[in-house]
Every structure is written in structure tokens, then in C-alpha cells.
């Protein structure tokens, strides 16, 4: 079984803006002649989308062509809505969650969906977790920060507590990178460099605050192989050992061991990099993902895994066994 854990969707339509909601960035989807649609944020065009993003039948046909048995779909990170007014965020995230649940329900078990939360209101977001569970969604998709505040900050612990209570894994993705003014070159460089950096910051924040001491049964997956964690983990280990008063009071376990308690997807675009991550953090903590159907997805998952040189047993686990274990999917 091949399980693609990292894919994205958008709903086929957004709810109309309710009376009394004065949110200028309310999204709308305008149909196009070719069957696709254009997403507008307020009056500004965001981008064009093909129907594969919301059409279940087309999605399953594409999965069959790629040899994928199950997809886990998450909303595009641009739909997190943290930057909207809280009431608008609640309405939109609830609607997007229902759209994801509907896609999963119509897929005959081929699609599992993750929900999102209006984290700009942490108390209400914590209550939303039960709604995510009631919809039958398979986990919660979270950004690396909420309007500049790390997802590892204590104010979001009530959300994590509810996720653990409902046995919903978290999937963390870098968003809206800071420091873009210091990145030279084309605008796309912000995403190329900044998104992995954001994931690393969130992961390091969870480690430095010993998140598993508070929530020992919480399962946390990081997109894009945990960003740059493979490059900085030994530096963290050195500081942890050389400055025990500063580090070991917060983190009792060596960082290299602690990092093996998270999960990481395969969207790193280099077989050598993925083999390194498997060696450092364990092949049993790696989950296949394509980042599809975006234009910079990691295609041909079996071929990509074969190029790593990992054993057949490890490749089989990464392609589906690990995700099946995490999400309780029968293989």
C-alpha cells in the first residue's frame, strides 16, 4: 500500500460572507471556462486552480495513475486564515473542514482529510478540535506560527491537549516566513528558503520546551522533512551537552534522541537527503508525501524511495506502513 500523506485541496466553493462580517480578505472561488476556478482574496486574484483540487473522481484517477492507494489531504496553507478576524476565521475553517470531510466520505476510503483551526482564537480553536474529530477527520493541519507567535508557544497548549485527547495527529507546515526582506533574488526564494526554515523553528520550539513531557501521547508530523533540522541537530546536541544549566533544565533528553519522537515526510526532493534523515531519525519515523497537486510536488514516490538505497523493508514502511500505523489504516 502506498499512502501519500502530504497533499493539498481547496473546497469547490466558499461560503458567502455573512451579514455583519466586515472581513476584506474573504475568499471566493470564481468558475473558469475550462472547468477550473480562480481564487480571489477580497477583490485580488490569488491564483488559478484545476478541478483536481476539489474533484474527488479526478483525484482518484490521478492517484490510480501514480500508484497511490490512499491520499491524506490538507487544505492549502494559504487557507489557514489565521490572519483574518477571529469570527471570519471560525466560519471559514469550519466550512473548509466540512469540505474535506465530504471529499473523504465520497472517496470510498481512498482519501483521508485533515482539518484546520482558527488559531487566532486559541480557546475557540481548542473547542474546534472536538468538531474535527466528530467530522471523522484524520488529524489537524497547523502552521508553524500564528501571526508571528510560534505554534510551540504555551498559549496553544489547550489545542494540543485536545488533539491528544481525541487521538488526532498534528501535521505542521511552514507558513509566511519571517525575514523575507533579507532574502535576495526572485520572490519565489522566500518560499524556497523560508518555508523549511519556518518548519525548523517550530520543531526546535517543541523540542526546547519538551512538548512530550506535557503531551506524551501526542503525534507530531513535520512537512518537508522537518525543514533544516537535519543540518542543525548536531549543533543543538553540542550546546545541550556543553551548557547543561541552560539547556538540560528545559530538555532532559539529548536532542538527537528527542528528534526521533517526531515524524517527518519525504518531501525533500533529494534521495540522499532522505536517506540521511532515515539514518538519523529512523526509517520508522518517515512518511511518504508528494505535496501534490502543487507545481513543486515530489512525484513518483516509489521511484524516489528506490533511489535512496534504503532496504526494501524500510522503503515499504515509508511508502505506506508508517502512515498506516499512525492513522490506523488497515493495509
C-alpha atoms as a PDB file:
ATOM      1  CA  UNK A   1       0.000   0.000   0.000  1.00  0.00           C
ATOM      2  CA  UNK A   2       1.213   3.487  -0.906  1.00  0.00           C
ATOM      3  CA  UNK A   3      -0.088   6.296   1.314  1.00  0.00           C
ATOM      4  CA  UNK A   4       0.634   9.864   0.221  1.00  0.00           C
ATOM      5  CA  UNK A   5       0.464  11.799   3.493  1.00  0.00           C
ATOM      6  CA  UNK A   6       1.188  15.300   2.152  1.00  0.00           C
ATOM      7  CA  UNK A   7      -1.298  16.552  -0.438  1.00  0.00           C
ATOM      8  CA  UNK A   8      -3.497  19.624  -0.631  1.00  0.00           C
ATOM      9  CA  UNK A   9      -7.040  20.574  -1.559  1.00  0.00           C
ATOM     10  CA  UNK A  10      -9.289  23.582  -1.734  1.00  0.00           C
ATOM     11  CA  UNK A  11     -13.080  23.427  -1.391  1.00  0.00           C
ATOM     12  CA  UNK A  12     -15.246  23.597  -4.517  1.00  0.00           C
ATOM     13  CA  UNK A  13     -16.830  26.752  -3.079  1.00  0.00           C
ATOM     14  CA  UNK A  14     -16.513  29.045  -0.087  1.00  0.00           C
ATOM     15  CA  UNK A  15     -19.483  30.188   1.969  1.00  0.00           C
ATOM     16  CA  UNK A  16     -20.884  33.614   1.225  1.00  0.00           C
ATOM     17  CA  UNK A  17     -19.673  36.252   3.637  1.00  0.00           C
ATOM     18  CA  UNK A  18     -22.317  36.506   6.362  1.00  0.00           C
ATOM     19  CA  UNK A  19     -24.011  39.783   7.142  1.00  0.00           C
ATOM     20  CA  UNK A  20     -22.135  41.609   9.855  1.00  0.00           C
ATOM     21  CA  UNK A  21     -18.734  40.150   8.917  1.00  0.00           C
ATOM     22  CA  UNK A  22     -16.598  43.010   7.630  1.00  0.00           C
ATOM     23  CA  UNK A  23     -13.630  40.896   6.553  1.00  0.00           C
ATOM     24  CA  UNK A  24     -11.986  42.457   3.468  1.00  0.00           C
ATOM     25  CA  UNK A  25      -9.926  39.331   2.716  1.00  0.00           C
ATOM     26  CA  UNK A  26     -12.899  36.950   2.419  1.00  0.00           C
ATOM     27  CA  UNK A  27     -12.114  34.288  -0.237  1.00  0.00           C
ATOM     28  CA  UNK A  28     -14.284  33.476  -3.224  1.00  0.00           C
ATOM     29  CA  UNK A  29     -13.863  30.929  -5.995  1.00  0.00           C
ATOM     30  CA  UNK A  30     -14.952  32.040  -9.464  1.00  0.00           C
ATOM     31  CA  UNK A  31     -15.521  29.264 -12.049  1.00  0.00           C
ATOM     32  CA  UNK A  32     -13.445  29.316 -15.223  1.00  0.00           C
ATOM     33  CA  UNK A  33     -14.469  28.173 -18.709  1.00  0.00           C
ATOM     34  CA  UNK A  34     -12.051  25.205 -18.635  1.00  0.00           C
ATOM     35  CA  UNK A  35     -13.702  23.667 -15.551  1.00  0.00           C
ATOM     36  CA  UNK A  36     -11.185  25.096 -13.135  1.00  0.00           C
ATOM     37  CA  UNK A  37     -11.616  28.169 -10.979  1.00  0.00           C
ATOM     38  CA  UNK A  38      -9.851  31.319  -9.863  1.00  0.00           C
ATOM     39  CA  UNK A  39      -9.428  32.073  -6.175  1.00  0.00           C
ATOM     40  CA  UNK A  40      -9.890  35.680  -5.167  1.00  0.00           C
ATOM     41  CA  UNK A  41      -8.996  37.080  -1.761  1.00  0.00           C
ATOM     42  CA  UNK A  42     -11.279  40.039  -1.414  1.00  0.00           C
ATOM     43  CA  UNK A  43     -11.014  41.763  -4.790  1.00  0.00           C
ATOM     44  CA  UNK A  44      -7.487  40.497  -5.508  1.00  0.00           C
ATOM     45  CA  UNK A  45      -6.777  37.454  -7.652  1.00  0.00           C
ATOM     46  CA  UNK A  46      -4.695  34.856  -5.830  1.00  0.00           C
ATOM     47  CA  UNK A  47      -4.239  32.129  -8.461  1.00  0.00           C
ATOM     48  CA  UNK A  48      -5.956  29.714 -10.838  1.00  0.00           C
ATOM     49  CA  UNK A  49      -6.731  26.138  -9.835  1.00  0.00           C
ATOM     50  CA  UNK A  50      -7.514  22.998 -11.773  1.00  0.00           C
ATOM     51  CA  UNK A  51     -10.523  20.894 -10.643  1.00  0.00           C
ATOM     52  CA  UNK A  52      -8.170  18.201  -9.320  1.00  0.00           C
ATOM     53  CA  UNK A  53      -8.013  20.285  -6.136  1.00  0.00           C
ATOM     54  CA  UNK A  54     -11.656  19.527  -5.235  1.00  0.00           C
ATOM     55  CA  UNK A  55     -12.972  16.905  -7.681  1.00  0.00           C
ATOM     56  CA  UNK A  56     -12.893  13.501  -5.962  1.00  0.00           C
ATOM     57  CA  UNK A  57     -13.265  11.426  -9.135  1.00  0.00           C
ATOM     58  CA  UNK A  58     -10.411  13.227 -10.895  1.00  0.00           C
ATOM     59  CA  UNK A  59      -8.331  12.933  -7.773  1.00  0.00           C
ATOM     60  CA  UNK A  60      -8.792   9.188  -7.536  1.00  0.00           C
ATOM     61  CA  UNK A  61      -7.995   8.800 -11.242  1.00  0.00           C
ATOM     62  CA  UNK A  62      -4.745  10.714 -10.671  1.00  0.00           C
ATOM     63  CA  UNK A  63      -3.965   8.542  -7.652  1.00  0.00           C
ATOM     64  CA  UNK A  64      -4.505   5.400  -9.714  1.00  0.00           C
ATOM     65  CA  UNK A  65      -2.160   6.716 -12.412  1.00  0.00           C
ATOM     66  CA  UNK A  66       0.506   7.424  -9.779  1.00  0.00           C
ATOM     67  CA  UNK A  67       0.089   4.076  -7.988  1.00  0.00           C
ATOM     68  CA  UNK A  68      -1.173   5.708  -4.795  1.00  0.00           C
ATOM     69  CA  UNK A  69      -3.717   3.791  -2.722  1.00  0.00           C
ATOM     70  CA  UNK A  70      -4.606   6.449  -0.140  1.00  0.00           C
ATOM     71  CA  UNK A  71      -4.109  10.206  -0.022  1.00  0.00           C
ATOM     72  CA  UNK A  72      -4.196  12.349   3.087  1.00  0.00           C
ATOM     73  CA  UNK A  73      -5.435  15.783   2.042  1.00  0.00           C
ATOM     74  CA  UNK A  74      -4.847  19.042   3.884  1.00  0.00           C
ATOM     75  CA  UNK A  75      -6.086  22.491   2.889  1.00  0.00           C
ATOM     76  CA  UNK A  76      -3.581  24.707   1.133  1.00  0.00           C
ATOM     77  CA  UNK A  77      -1.580  26.554   3.803  1.00  0.00           C
ATOM     78  CA  UNK A  78      -2.929  29.825   2.365  1.00  0.00           C
ATOM     79  CA  UNK A  79      -6.341  28.764   3.742  1.00  0.00           C
ATOM     80  CA  UNK A  80      -5.269  28.604   7.401  1.00  0.00           C
ATOM     81  CA  UNK A  81      -6.965  32.010   7.828  1.00  0.00           C
ATOM     82  CA  UNK A  82      -5.021  32.947  10.987  1.00  0.00           C
ATOM     83  CA  UNK A  83      -4.664  36.491   9.661  1.00  0.00           C
ATOM     84  CA  UNK A  84      -8.404  37.088   9.415  1.00  0.00           C
ATOM     85  CA  UNK A  85     -10.695  38.466  12.094  1.00  0.00           C
ATOM     86  CA  UNK A  86     -11.433  35.632  14.576  1.00  0.00           C
ATOM     87  CA  UNK A  87     -15.116  35.244  13.685  1.00  0.00           C
ATOM     88  CA  UNK A  88     -14.331  35.121   9.978  1.00  0.00           C
ATOM     89  CA  UNK A  89     -11.608  32.556  10.657  1.00  0.00           C
ATOM     90  CA  UNK A  90     -14.031  30.341  12.554  1.00  0.00           C
ATOM     91  CA  UNK A  91     -16.618  30.389   9.786  1.00  0.00           C
ATOM     92  CA  UNK A  92     -14.109  29.649   7.050  1.00  0.00           C
ATOM     93  CA  UNK A  93     -12.174  26.920   8.854  1.00  0.00           C
ATOM     94  CA  UNK A  94     -15.421  25.155   9.765  1.00  0.00           C
ATOM     95  CA  UNK A  95     -16.551  25.291   6.121  1.00  0.00           C
ATOM     96  CA  UNK A  96     -13.193  24.026   4.846  1.00  0.00           C
ATOM     97  CA  UNK A  97     -13.247  21.178   7.364  1.00  0.00           C
ATOM     98  CA  UNK A  98     -16.699  20.120   6.190  1.00  0.00           C
ATOM     99  CA  UNK A  99     -15.497  20.218   2.576  1.00  0.00           C
ATOM    100  CA  UNK A 100     -12.532  17.973   3.407  1.00  0.00           C
ATOM    101  CA  UNK A 101     -14.757  15.557   5.324  1.00  0.00           C
ATOM    102  CA  UNK A 102     -17.148  15.414   2.362  1.00  0.00           C
ATOM    103  CA  UNK A 103     -14.316  14.609  -0.054  1.00  0.00           C
ATOM    104  CA  UNK A 104     -13.140  11.805   2.230  1.00  0.00           C
ATOM    105  CA  UNK A 105     -16.677  10.427   2.615  1.00  0.00           C
ATOM    106  CA  UNK A 106     -17.181  10.298  -1.171  1.00  0.00           C
ATOM    107  CA  UNK A 107     -13.850   8.592  -1.866  1.00  0.00           C
ATOM    108  CA  UNK A 108     -14.640   5.061  -0.731  1.00  0.00           C
ATOM    109  CA  UNK A 109     -11.758   5.119   1.751  1.00  0.00           C
ATOM    110  CA  UNK A 110      -9.194   6.388  -0.762  1.00  0.00           C
ATOM    111  CA  UNK A 111      -8.967   9.866   0.801  1.00  0.00           C
ATOM    112  CA  UNK A 112      -8.356  10.859   4.414  1.00  0.00           C
ATOM    113  CA  UNK A 113      -8.680  14.536   5.311  1.00  0.00           C
ATOM    114  CA  UNK A 114      -7.114  16.791   7.920  1.00  0.00           C
ATOM    115  CA  UNK A 115      -8.813  19.765   9.488  1.00  0.00           C
ATOM    116  CA  UNK A 116      -7.659  23.289  10.310  1.00  0.00           C
ATOM    117  CA  UNK A 117      -8.400  25.543  13.272  1.00  0.00           C
ATOM    118  CA  UNK A 118      -8.921  29.263  13.822  1.00  0.00           C
ATOM    119  CA  UNK A 119      -5.829  29.531  15.998  1.00  0.00           C
ATOM    120  CA  UNK A 120      -6.003  33.313  16.268  1.00  0.00           C
ATOM    121  CA  UNK A 121      -8.577  32.487  18.993  1.00  0.00           C
ATOM    122  CA  UNK A 122      -6.859  29.627  20.887  1.00  0.00           C
ATOM    123  CA  UNK A 123      -9.771  28.955  23.243  1.00  0.00           C
ATOM    124  CA  UNK A 124     -12.229  28.562  20.397  1.00  0.00           C
ATOM    125  CA  UNK A 125      -9.685  26.571  18.392  1.00  0.00           C
ATOM    126  CA  UNK A 126      -9.391  24.120  21.293  1.00  0.00           C
ATOM    127  CA  UNK A 127     -13.156  23.637  21.133  1.00  0.00           C
ATOM    128  CA  UNK A 128     -12.952  23.119  17.368  1.00  0.00           C
ATOM    129  CA  UNK A 129     -10.795  20.021  17.903  1.00  0.00           C
ATOM    130  CA  UNK A 130     -13.835  18.043  19.059  1.00  0.00           C
ATOM    131  CA  UNK A 131     -15.669  19.194  15.922  1.00  0.00           C
ATOM    132  CA  UNK A 132     -12.766  17.972  13.775  1.00  0.00           C
ATOM    133  CA  UNK A 133     -12.983  14.591  15.478  1.00  0.00           C
ATOM    134  CA  UNK A 134     -16.776  14.455  15.076  1.00  0.00           C
ATOM    135  CA  UNK A 135     -16.395  15.032  11.327  1.00  0.00           C
ATOM    136  CA  UNK A 136     -14.217  11.924  11.121  1.00  0.00           C
ATOM    137  CA  UNK A 137     -11.140  13.867  10.022  1.00  0.00           C
ATOM    138  CA  UNK A 138      -7.808  12.118  10.460  1.00  0.00           C
ATOM    139  CA  UNK A 139      -5.709  14.861  12.041  1.00  0.00           C
ATOM    140  CA  UNK A 140      -5.086  18.578  12.339  1.00  0.00           C
ATOM    141  CA  UNK A 141      -3.039  20.656   9.908  1.00  0.00           C
ATOM    142  CA  UNK A 142      -1.230  23.553  11.625  1.00  0.00           C
ATOM    143  CA  UNK A 143       1.026  26.371  10.502  1.00  0.00           C
ATOM    144  CA  UNK A 144       4.449  26.962  12.017  1.00  0.00           C
ATOM    145  CA  UNK A 145       3.295  30.190  13.634  1.00  0.00           C
ATOM    146  CA  UNK A 146       0.145  32.204  14.181  1.00  0.00           C
ATOM    147  CA  UNK A 147       0.659  35.828  13.207  1.00  0.00           C
ATOM    148  CA  UNK A 148       4.251  35.689  14.424  1.00  0.00           C
ATOM    149  CA  UNK A 149       3.714  33.543  17.540  1.00  0.00           C
ATOM    150  CA  UNK A 150       5.286  30.086  17.416  1.00  0.00           C
ATOM    151  CA  UNK A 151       2.919  27.129  17.282  1.00  0.00           C
ATOM    152  CA  UNK A 152       5.052  25.770  20.153  1.00  0.00           C
ATOM    153  CA  UNK A 153       4.016  28.682  22.412  1.00  0.00           C
ATOM    154  CA  UNK A 154       2.214  27.800  25.625  1.00  0.00           C
ATOM    155  CA  UNK A 155      -0.942  29.658  24.612  1.00  0.00           C
ATOM    156  CA  UNK A 156      -1.635  26.862  22.098  1.00  0.00           C
ATOM    157  CA  UNK A 157      -1.246  24.061  24.643  1.00  0.00           C
ATOM    158  CA  UNK A 158      -5.028  23.781  25.169  1.00  0.00           C
ATOM    159  CA  UNK A 159      -5.281  22.934  21.459  1.00  0.00           C
ATOM    160  CA  UNK A 160      -2.548  20.306  21.750  1.00  0.00           C
ATOM    161  CA  UNK A 161      -4.206  18.879  24.850  1.00  0.00           C
ATOM    162  CA  UNK A 162      -7.458  18.393  22.941  1.00  0.00           C
ATOM    163  CA  UNK A 163      -5.633  16.886  19.974  1.00  0.00           C
ATOM    164  CA  UNK A 164      -4.043  14.331  22.287  1.00  0.00           C
ATOM    165  CA  UNK A 165      -7.396  13.656  23.959  1.00  0.00           C
ATOM    166  CA  UNK A 166      -9.051  12.924  20.610  1.00  0.00           C
ATOM    167  CA  UNK A 167      -6.038  10.974  19.291  1.00  0.00           C
ATOM    168  CA  UNK A 168      -5.586  13.339  16.357  1.00  0.00           C
ATOM    169  CA  UNK A 169      -2.047  13.671  14.984  1.00  0.00           C
ATOM    170  CA  UNK A 170      -0.735  17.121  14.113  1.00  0.00           C
ATOM    171  CA  UNK A 171       0.822  17.957  10.753  1.00  0.00           C
ATOM    172  CA  UNK A 172       2.996  21.094  10.912  1.00  0.00           C
ATOM    173  CA  UNK A 173       3.806  23.107   7.787  1.00  0.00           C
ATOM    174  CA  UNK A 174       5.907  26.259   7.488  1.00  0.00           C
ATOM    175  CA  UNK A 175       3.969  29.397   6.544  1.00  0.00           C
ATOM    176  CA  UNK A 176       4.566  33.121   5.945  1.00  0.00           C
ATOM    177  CA  UNK A 177       8.321  33.137   6.550  1.00  0.00           C
ATOM    178  CA  UNK A 178       9.856  35.933   8.543  1.00  0.00           C
ATOM    179  CA  UNK A 179      12.853  37.916   7.316  1.00  0.00           C
ATOM    180  CA  UNK A 180      11.823  37.981   3.660  1.00  0.00           C
ATOM    181  CA  UNK A 181      13.362  41.424   3.338  1.00  0.00           C
ATOM    182  CA  UNK A 182      16.774  39.778   3.769  1.00  0.00           C
ATOM    183  CA  UNK A 183      16.280  37.184   1.019  1.00  0.00           C
ATOM    184  CA  UNK A 184      17.658  38.363  -2.308  1.00  0.00           C
ATOM    185  CA  UNK A 185      16.587  37.207  -5.730  1.00  0.00           C
ATOM    186  CA  UNK A 186      13.190  36.319  -7.214  1.00  0.00           C
ATOM    187  CA  UNK A 187      10.113  36.386  -4.988  1.00  0.00           C
ATOM    188  CA  UNK A 188       9.930  32.577  -5.024  1.00  0.00           C
ATOM    189  CA  UNK A 189      13.124  32.449  -2.959  1.00  0.00           C
ATOM    190  CA  UNK A 190      11.023  33.329   0.070  1.00  0.00           C
ATOM    191  CA  UNK A 191       9.186  30.027  -0.202  1.00  0.00           C
ATOM    192  CA  UNK A 192      12.254  28.033  -1.247  1.00  0.00           C
ATOM    193  CA  UNK A 193      14.297  29.078   1.796  1.00  0.00           C
ATOM    194  CA  UNK A 194      11.699  30.407   4.212  1.00  0.00           C
ATOM    195  CA  UNK A 195       9.206  27.537   4.410  1.00  0.00           C
ATOM    196  CA  UNK A 196      11.795  24.925   5.535  1.00  0.00           C
ATOM    197  CA  UNK A 197      13.231  27.485   7.976  1.00  0.00           C
ATOM    198  CA  UNK A 198       9.792  28.018   9.497  1.00  0.00           C
ATOM    199  CA  UNK A 199       9.323  24.276   9.986  1.00  0.00           C
ATOM    200  CA  UNK A 200      12.695  24.065  11.704  1.00  0.00           C
ATOM    201  CA  UNK A 201      11.816  26.892  14.070  1.00  0.00           C
ATOM    202  CA  UNK A 202       8.573  25.203  15.083  1.00  0.00           C
ATOM    203  CA  UNK A 203      10.258  21.824  15.589  1.00  0.00           C
ATOM    204  CA  UNK A 204      13.065  23.348  17.651  1.00  0.00           C
ATOM    205  CA  UNK A 205      10.490  25.203  19.735  1.00  0.00           C
ATOM    206  CA  UNK A 206       8.688  21.978  20.557  1.00  0.00           C
ATOM    207  CA  UNK A 207      11.994  20.359  21.500  1.00  0.00           C
ATOM    208  CA  UNK A 208      13.273  23.237  23.634  1.00  0.00           C
ATOM    209  CA  UNK A 209      10.025  23.281  25.628  1.00  0.00           C
ATOM    210  CA  UNK A 210       9.917  19.453  25.984  1.00  0.00           C
ATOM    211  CA  UNK A 211       6.482  19.133  24.439  1.00  0.00           C
ATOM    212  CA  UNK A 212       6.302  15.384  25.001  1.00  0.00           C
ATOM    213  CA  UNK A 213       6.727  15.813  28.743  1.00  0.00           C
ATOM    214  CA  UNK A 214       3.399  17.675  28.683  1.00  0.00           C
ATOM    215  CA  UNK A 215       1.710  15.593  25.987  1.00  0.00           C
ATOM    216  CA  UNK A 216       3.398  12.174  25.900  1.00  0.00           C
ATOM    217  CA  UNK A 217       0.860  10.600  23.532  1.00  0.00           C
ATOM    218  CA  UNK A 218       0.746  13.427  21.003  1.00  0.00           C
ATOM    219  CA  UNK A 219       1.881  12.556  17.478  1.00  0.00           C
ATOM    220  CA  UNK A 220       3.508  15.415  15.529  1.00  0.00           C
ATOM    221  CA  UNK A 221       4.456  15.192  11.850  1.00  0.00           C
ATOM    222  CA  UNK A 222       6.624  17.809  10.127  1.00  0.00           C
ATOM    223  CA  UNK A 223       6.344  18.673   6.453  1.00  0.00           C
ATOM    224  CA  UNK A 224       9.377  18.833   4.176  1.00  0.00           C
ATOM    225  CA  UNK A 225      11.469  16.506   6.301  1.00  0.00           C
ATOM    226  CA  UNK A 226      11.385  18.844   9.285  1.00  0.00           C
ATOM    227  CA  UNK A 227      12.952  21.640   7.266  1.00  0.00           C
ATOM    228  CA  UNK A 228      16.577  22.135   8.234  1.00  0.00           C
ATOM    229  CA  UNK A 229      16.535  20.066  11.423  1.00  0.00           C
ATOM    230  CA  UNK A 230      18.925  17.507   9.939  1.00  0.00           C
ATOM    231  CA  UNK A 231      21.507  20.266   9.493  1.00  0.00           C
ATOM    232  CA  UNK A 232      21.224  21.785  12.967  1.00  0.00           C
ATOM    233  CA  UNK A 233      20.544  18.787  15.208  1.00  0.00           C
ATOM    234  CA  UNK A 234      24.225  18.173  15.971  1.00  0.00           C
ATOM    235  CA  UNK A 235      24.736  21.821  16.856  1.00  0.00           C
ATOM    236  CA  UNK A 236      21.792  21.552  19.243  1.00  0.00           C
ATOM    237  CA  UNK A 237      23.320  18.408  20.729  1.00  0.00           C
ATOM    238  CA  UNK A 238      26.670  20.137  21.269  1.00  0.00           C
ATOM    239  CA  UNK A 239      25.076  23.109  23.038  1.00  0.00           C
ATOM    240  CA  UNK A 240      22.885  20.773  25.116  1.00  0.00           C
ATOM    241  CA  UNK A 241      25.981  18.923  26.384  1.00  0.00           C
ATOM    242  CA  UNK A 242      28.268  21.937  26.842  1.00  0.00           C
ATOM    243  CA  UNK A 243      25.715  24.192  28.570  1.00  0.00           C
ATOM    244  CA  UNK A 244      23.669  21.827  30.734  1.00  0.00           C
ATOM    245  CA  UNK A 245      22.443  24.589  33.001  1.00  0.00           C
ATOM    246  CA  UNK A 246      20.877  26.423  30.113  1.00  0.00           C
ATOM    247  CA  UNK A 247      19.523  23.520  28.088  1.00  0.00           C
ATOM    248  CA  UNK A 248      19.074  20.398  30.189  1.00  0.00           C
ATOM    249  CA  UNK A 249      16.755  22.089  32.657  1.00  0.00           C
ATOM    250  CA  UNK A 250      14.298  22.528  29.769  1.00  0.00           C
ATOM    251  CA  UNK A 251      15.078  19.357  27.805  1.00  0.00           C
ATOM    252  CA  UNK A 252      16.103  16.300  29.795  1.00  0.00           C
ATOM    253  CA  UNK A 253      16.685  14.084  26.755  1.00  0.00           C
ATOM    254  CA  UNK A 254      19.506  14.633  24.219  1.00  0.00           C
ATOM    255  CA  UNK A 255      18.207  16.495  21.153  1.00  0.00           C
ATOM    256  CA  UNK A 256      19.338  13.749  18.774  1.00  0.00           C
ATOM    257  CA  UNK A 257      17.204  11.246  20.690  1.00  0.00           C
ATOM    258  CA  UNK A 258      14.283  13.634  21.132  1.00  0.00           C
ATOM    259  CA  UNK A 259      14.102  14.354  17.416  1.00  0.00           C
ATOM    260  CA  UNK A 260      13.349  10.667  16.822  1.00  0.00           C
ATOM    261  CA  UNK A 261       9.997  11.100  18.562  1.00  0.00           C
ATOM    262  CA  UNK A 262       8.603  13.272  15.766  1.00  0.00           C
ATOM    263  CA  UNK A 263       7.539  12.151  12.304  1.00  0.00           C
ATOM    264  CA  UNK A 264       8.893  13.555   9.020  1.00  0.00           C
ATOM    265  CA  UNK A 265       7.593  13.461   5.470  1.00  0.00           C
ATOM    266  CA  UNK A 266       9.658  12.689   2.386  1.00  0.00           C
ATOM    267  CA  UNK A 267       9.149  15.984   0.532  1.00  0.00           C
ATOM    268  CA  UNK A 268      12.851  16.888   0.497  1.00  0.00           C
ATOM    269  CA  UNK A 269      13.498  16.342  -3.258  1.00  0.00           C
ATOM    270  CA  UNK A 270      16.823  14.565  -2.710  1.00  0.00           C
ATOM    271  CA  UNK A 271      17.144  10.789  -2.189  1.00  0.00           C
ATOM    272  CA  UNK A 272      20.461  11.380  -0.425  1.00  0.00           C
ATOM    273  CA  UNK A 273      18.857  13.821   1.998  1.00  0.00           C
ATOM    274  CA  UNK A 274      16.032  11.415   2.742  1.00  0.00           C
ATOM    275  CA  UNK A 275      18.469   8.547   3.347  1.00  0.00           C
ATOM    276  CA  UNK A 276      20.326  10.795   5.814  1.00  0.00           C
ATOM    277  CA  UNK A 277      17.114  11.664   7.663  1.00  0.00           C
ATOM    278  CA  UNK A 278      16.178   7.982   7.867  1.00  0.00           C
ATOM    279  CA  UNK A 279      19.622   7.155   9.265  1.00  0.00           C
ATOM    280  CA  UNK A 280      19.483   9.940  11.856  1.00  0.00           C
ATOM    281  CA  UNK A 281      15.862   9.778  12.969  1.00  0.00           C
ATOM    282  CA  UNK A 282      14.789   6.266  11.955  1.00  0.00           C
ATOM    283  CA  UNK A 283      13.075   4.968   8.834  1.00  0.00           C
ATOM    284  CA  UNK A 284      10.132   4.115  11.073  1.00  0.00           C
ATOM    285  CA  UNK A 285       9.534   7.869  11.583  1.00  0.00           C
ATOM    286  CA  UNK A 286       9.441   8.801   7.883  1.00  0.00           C
ATOM    287  CA  UNK A 287       6.168   9.105   5.950  1.00  0.00           C
ATOM    288  CA  UNK A 288       5.766   9.375   2.180  1.00  0.00           C
ATOM    289  CA  UNK A 289       4.414  12.631   0.810  1.00  0.00           C
ATOM    290  CA  UNK A 290       4.228  14.324  -2.578  1.00  0.00           C
ATOM    291  CA  UNK A 291       2.994  17.872  -1.807  1.00  0.00           C
ATOM    292  CA  UNK A 292       0.666  17.333  -4.749  1.00  0.00           C
ATOM    293  CA  UNK A 293      -1.031  18.573  -6.740  1.00  0.00           C
ATOM    294  CA  UNK A 294       1.096  21.715  -6.394  1.00  0.00           C
ATOM    295  CA  UNK A 295       3.582  22.536  -9.139  1.00  0.00           C
ATOM    296  CA  UNK A 296       6.590  21.728  -6.928  1.00  0.00           C
ATOM    297  CA  UNK A 297       5.404  18.327  -5.759  1.00  0.00           C
ATOM    298  CA  UNK A 298       7.592  15.273  -5.156  1.00  0.00           C
ATOM    299  CA  UNK A 299       6.443  12.909  -7.916  1.00  0.00           C
ATOM    300  CA  UNK A 300       6.925   9.133  -8.329  1.00  0.00           C
ATOM    301  CA  UNK A 301       7.100   8.158  -4.666  1.00  0.00           C
ATOM    302  CA  UNK A 302       8.200   4.520  -5.247  1.00  0.00           C
ATOM    303  CA  UNK A 303      10.938   5.641  -7.654  1.00  0.00           C
ATOM    304  CA  UNK A 304      12.102   8.360  -5.300  1.00  0.00           C
ATOM    305  CA  UNK A 305      12.326   5.900  -2.404  1.00  0.00           C
ATOM    306  CA  UNK A 306      14.132   3.335  -4.562  1.00  0.00           C
ATOM    307  CA  UNK A 307      16.851   5.909  -5.306  1.00  0.00           C
ATOM    308  CA  UNK A 308      17.638   6.299  -1.572  1.00  0.00           C
ATOM    309  CA  UNK A 309      19.352   2.916  -1.327  1.00  0.00           C
ATOM    310  CA  UNK A 310      17.287   2.083   1.759  1.00  0.00           C
ATOM    311  CA  UNK A 311      16.336  -1.535   2.328  1.00  0.00           C
ATOM    312  CA  UNK A 312      13.157  -2.893   0.806  1.00  0.00           C
ATOM    313  CA  UNK A 313      11.632  -3.217   4.275  1.00  0.00           C
ATOM    314  CA  UNK A 314      12.395   0.434   5.068  1.00  0.00           C
ATOM    315  CA  UNK A 315      11.016   1.604   1.730  1.00  0.00           C
ATOM    316  CA  UNK A 316       7.829  -0.387   2.260  1.00  0.00           C
ATOM    317  CA  UNK A 317       7.395   1.143   5.701  1.00  0.00           C
ATOM    318  CA  UNK A 318       7.959   4.677   4.426  1.00  0.00           C
ATOM    319  CA  UNK A 319       5.683   4.255   1.407  1.00  0.00           C
ATOM    320  CA  UNK A 320       2.718   3.169   3.491  1.00  0.00           C
ATOM    321  CA  UNK A 321       3.330   1.123   6.598  1.00  0.00           C
ATOM    322  CA  UNK A 322       4.325   4.022   8.840  1.00  0.00           C
ATOM    323  CA  UNK A 323       1.380   6.204   7.852  1.00  0.00           C
ATOM    324  CA  UNK A 324      -0.967   3.261   8.216  1.00  0.00           C
ATOM    325  CA  UNK A 325       0.332   2.764  11.752  1.00  0.00           C
ATOM    326  CA  UNK A 326      -0.025   6.456  12.577  1.00  0.00           C
ATOM    327  CA  UNK A 327      -3.543   6.798  11.158  1.00  0.00           C
ATOM    328  CA  UNK A 328      -4.746   3.283  11.982  1.00  0.00           C
ATOM    329  CA  UNK A 329      -5.330   2.397   8.335  1.00  0.00           C
ATOM    330  CA  UNK A 330      -5.736  -1.299   7.548  1.00  0.00           C
ATOM    331  CA  UNK A 331      -3.163  -2.329   4.924  1.00  0.00           C
END
